[in-house]
Structure formats: structure tokens, C-alpha cells
Amino acid sequence: MCISTIRGLGRCIRNYSGFSGRTVNSIIVALGFHPLHGTHDEFRELSKLLVNCTEHSSTEGYRRLFKYSEKEPFFKTHRQDIVSHMEQKAAEEKTDIISMVQDYFFTKRGRKPTAEAIGKALWDSRHIFLDLTPLYNYFTHYVLCEMSCAWYSYLEEQPI
């Protein structure tokens, strides 16, 4: 099956990534596309953006994703879906979520967040903590990274 619409791309990413349709559509909108009514040219642009995020760790997608102030609300809205996905990924990698976050997401920063900070950011849904903003930002970028990888995997199997 050849996908040629943003709606189809979103469905594919949901199937390959495991994120909910709500989370996938929110990222598509944040990137500047309409999840249901995009043109074919917009589909190709979004596809290229996602491929670039995977192949080249392109910062274009990350810059387009959200304004800095919108990342915390995105994370708070989609916290359950993101945490569930991260827990599943950690289990697949035979590690725990705290170690995965420390090792995977903060290797370039040099300073790893504490287990307490990660736990508070992921599981304390009553609050958003200003001092944990870098974690919320990385969790939001995690979603884009995983969505990009899901689309890339699909394209490896079924080129458009």
C-alpha cells in the first residue's frame, strides 16, 4: 500500500510507533501541517522533514516543533502516552526508564539528570516544575524522534 496523504502518514506512524492518534496529530499540527487536509505537496514536505530528522538528526524539525513555552503544555497533555511509550521502549531495550533517559537523552549534555528529577518529571502529574523544563523538552523531542523513526522504518519497507 502506497501512502500519499498526511492522514495516511499519521495512521502509519500510529501503527509503527505505538503513539496514540491524538499525540501523532498534535506533533503533525505543531510541525505546521494539517493531519487530515494536507495537500500532496505538504505530504511530501512532511515526509522529507521526518526522514531528515532520522537520517541527519536534522534540527529543522526540532526548531519547527514548538515554541519553547509550548513544550511543557504538550508534555503535560500527552504525558500518559509518552510515559507509556518510554516504558515500553525501555523494556524492549532491557533497561529501566530512568537509565534509558540518563544514557540516551543526555549523553551530549554531559550532566545527567538525577533519577529523582526524571521520576518527578515523568510521574508527578499534579505539577509542572520549572526546574525540569529541559526534561520536558527532551520528552517532547523524543516523540518527534520516535515518530520520525517509525516513518523511516515504513519507507524502508514500502518506498513511496
Protein backbone atom coordinates (compact mmCIF):
# COMPACT_ATOMS: atom_id res chain seq x y z
CA MET A 1 0.00 0.00 0.00
CA CYS A 2 1.42 3.35 -1.04
CA ILE A 3 0.75 6.23 1.34
CA SER A 4 0.36 9.63 -0.29
CA THR A 5 -1.56 11.74 2.25
CA ILE A 6 -0.80 13.24 5.62
CA ARG A 7 -3.76 11.31 7.03
CA GLY A 8 -2.22 8.06 5.80
CA LEU A 9 1.19 9.08 7.11
CA GLY A 10 -0.34 9.72 10.54
CA ARG A 11 -2.10 6.35 10.54
CA CYS A 12 1.13 4.65 9.54
CA ILE A 13 3.09 6.38 12.29
CA ARG A 14 0.46 5.38 14.86
CA ASN A 15 0.79 1.74 13.76
CA TYR A 16 4.59 1.72 13.67
CA SER A 17 5.31 3.90 16.71
CA GLY A 18 2.59 2.95 19.17
CA PHE A 19 1.70 6.56 19.99
CA SER A 20 -1.97 7.49 20.11
CA GLY A 21 -3.61 9.28 17.20
CA ARG A 22 -4.03 12.33 19.40
CA THR A 23 -0.30 12.56 20.12
CA VAL A 24 0.68 11.94 16.48
CA ASN A 25 -1.78 14.55 15.22
CA SER A 26 -0.56 17.07 17.78
CA ILE A 27 3.01 16.70 16.50
CA ILE A 28 1.86 16.99 12.88
CA VAL A 29 0.00 20.20 13.73
CA ALA A 30 2.98 21.54 15.71
CA LEU A 31 5.16 20.98 12.64
CA GLY A 32 2.79 23.21 10.67
CA PHE A 33 0.69 20.66 8.80
CA HIS A 34 -2.97 19.68 8.95
CA PRO A 35 -3.34 16.00 9.86
CA LEU A 36 -6.48 15.48 7.76
CA HIS A 37 -6.50 18.02 4.95
CA GLY A 38 -2.92 18.43 3.76
CA THR A 39 -2.08 18.64 0.08
CA HIS A 40 0.15 16.15 -1.70
CA ASP A 41 2.98 18.69 -1.70
CA GLU A 42 2.56 19.16 2.07
CA PHE A 43 2.64 15.38 2.50
CA ARG A 44 5.94 15.21 0.62
CA GLU A 45 7.35 18.11 2.67
CA LEU A 46 6.35 16.46 5.96
CA SER A 47 7.72 13.11 4.80
CA LYS A 48 11.04 14.72 3.86
CA LEU A 49 11.19 16.55 7.21
CA LEU A 50 10.66 13.30 9.13
CA VAL A 51 13.24 11.45 7.04
CA ASN A 52 15.76 14.24 7.63
CA CYS A 53 15.13 14.06 11.37
CA THR A 54 16.06 10.38 11.28
CA GLU A 55 18.89 10.38 8.76
CA HIS A 56 20.69 13.54 9.73
CA SER A 57 19.43 14.39 13.20
CA SER A 58 18.10 17.47 11.47
CA THR A 59 17.34 20.32 13.79
CA GLU A 60 14.81 21.77 11.33
CA GLY A 61 12.09 19.52 12.69
CA TYR A 62 13.03 20.30 16.25
CA ARG A 63 13.06 24.05 15.58
CA ARG A 64 9.68 23.84 13.88
CA LEU A 65 8.20 21.62 16.56
CA PHE A 66 7.10 24.10 19.19
CA LYS A 67 7.96 27.38 20.70
CA TYR A 68 9.91 26.80 23.88
CA SER A 69 6.89 27.78 26.01
CA GLU A 70 4.63 25.22 24.29
CA LYS A 71 6.71 22.12 25.09
CA GLU A 72 5.67 21.81 28.72
CA PRO A 73 1.92 22.02 27.94
CA PHE A 74 2.39 19.46 25.14
CA PHE A 75 4.15 17.10 27.51
CA LYS A 76 1.53 17.62 30.22
CA THR A 77 -1.32 16.94 27.75
CA HIS A 78 0.31 13.79 26.34
CA ARG A 79 2.18 12.64 29.45
CA GLN A 80 0.45 9.26 29.78
CA ASP A 81 1.05 8.35 26.14
CA ILE A 82 4.69 9.48 26.24
CA VAL A 83 5.46 7.74 29.54
CA SER A 84 3.78 4.53 28.37
CA HIS A 85 5.80 4.58 25.16
CA MET A 86 9.05 5.25 27.02
CA GLU A 87 8.37 2.43 29.47
CA GLN A 88 7.72 0.04 26.58
CA LYS A 89 10.90 1.15 24.78
CA ALA A 90 12.95 0.72 27.97
CA ALA A 91 11.55 -2.79 28.41
CA GLU A 92 12.43 -3.65 24.78
CA GLU A 93 15.97 -2.43 25.42
CA LYS A 94 16.06 -4.49 28.65
CA THR A 95 16.68 -1.50 30.85
CA ASP A 96 14.66 0.75 33.12
CA ILE A 97 13.22 4.06 32.02
CA ILE A 98 15.44 6.11 34.34
CA SER A 99 18.64 4.58 32.94
CA MET A 100 17.35 4.90 29.39
CA VAL A 101 16.68 8.61 29.83
CA GLN A 102 20.01 9.21 31.55
CA ASP A 103 22.03 7.28 28.98
CA TYR A 104 20.17 8.02 25.79
CA PHE A 105 18.89 11.55 26.05
CA PHE A 106 21.63 13.30 27.94
CA THR A 107 24.85 11.87 26.57
CA LYS A 108 25.63 15.09 24.67
CA ARG A 109 24.89 17.42 27.57
CA GLY A 110 27.45 15.83 29.86
CA ARG A 111 25.41 16.27 33.02
CA LYS A 112 22.84 13.56 33.58
CA PRO A 113 19.63 14.33 35.41
CA THR A 114 19.10 12.55 38.69
CA ALA A 115 16.74 9.62 38.99
CA GLU A 116 14.60 11.75 41.29
CA ALA A 117 14.29 14.55 38.71
CA ILE A 118 13.38 12.11 35.93
CA GLY A 119 10.83 10.38 38.14
CA LYS A 120 9.28 13.66 39.20
CA ALA A 121 9.08 14.86 35.58
CA LEU A 122 7.56 11.63 34.30
CA TRP A 123 5.21 10.55 37.05
CA ASP A 124 4.21 13.59 39.12
CA SER A 125 1.23 14.65 37.05
CA ARG A 126 -0.03 17.17 39.59
CA HIS A 127 2.66 19.71 38.78
CA ILE A 128 4.92 21.07 36.11
CA PHE A 129 8.25 22.01 37.68
CA LEU A 130 10.11 24.92 36.13
CA ASP A 131 13.48 23.44 37.06
CA LEU A 132 12.63 20.35 35.00
CA THR A 133 11.97 22.25 31.76
CA PRO A 134 14.97 20.63 29.97
CA LEU A 135 13.49 17.20 30.70
CA TYR A 136 10.04 18.18 29.38
CA ASN A 137 11.73 19.49 26.24
CA TYR A 138 13.63 16.25 25.71
CA PHE A 139 10.49 14.19 26.25
CA THR A 140 8.71 16.28 23.62
CA HIS A 141 11.61 15.82 21.20
CA TYR A 142 11.54 12.11 21.99
CA VAL A 143 8.08 11.93 20.45
CA LEU A 144 9.25 13.57 17.23
CA CYS A 145 12.31 11.32 17.11
CA GLU A 146 10.25 8.16 17.56
CA MET A 147 7.65 9.31 15.01
CA SER A 148 10.43 10.06 12.52
CA CYS A 149 11.97 6.64 13.07
CA ALA A 150 8.58 4.98 12.61
CA TRP A 151 8.03 6.76 9.28
CA TYR A 152 11.58 5.94 8.20
CA SER A 153 11.02 2.25 9.01
CA TYR A 154 7.87 2.24 6.92
CA LEU A 155 9.70 3.85 3.98
CA GLU A 156 12.45 1.25 4.15
CA GLU A 157 9.81 -1.46 3.74
CA GLN A 158 7.46 0.39 1.36
CA PRO A 159 9.15 3.23 -0.54
CA ILE A 160 6.75 5.89 -1.85
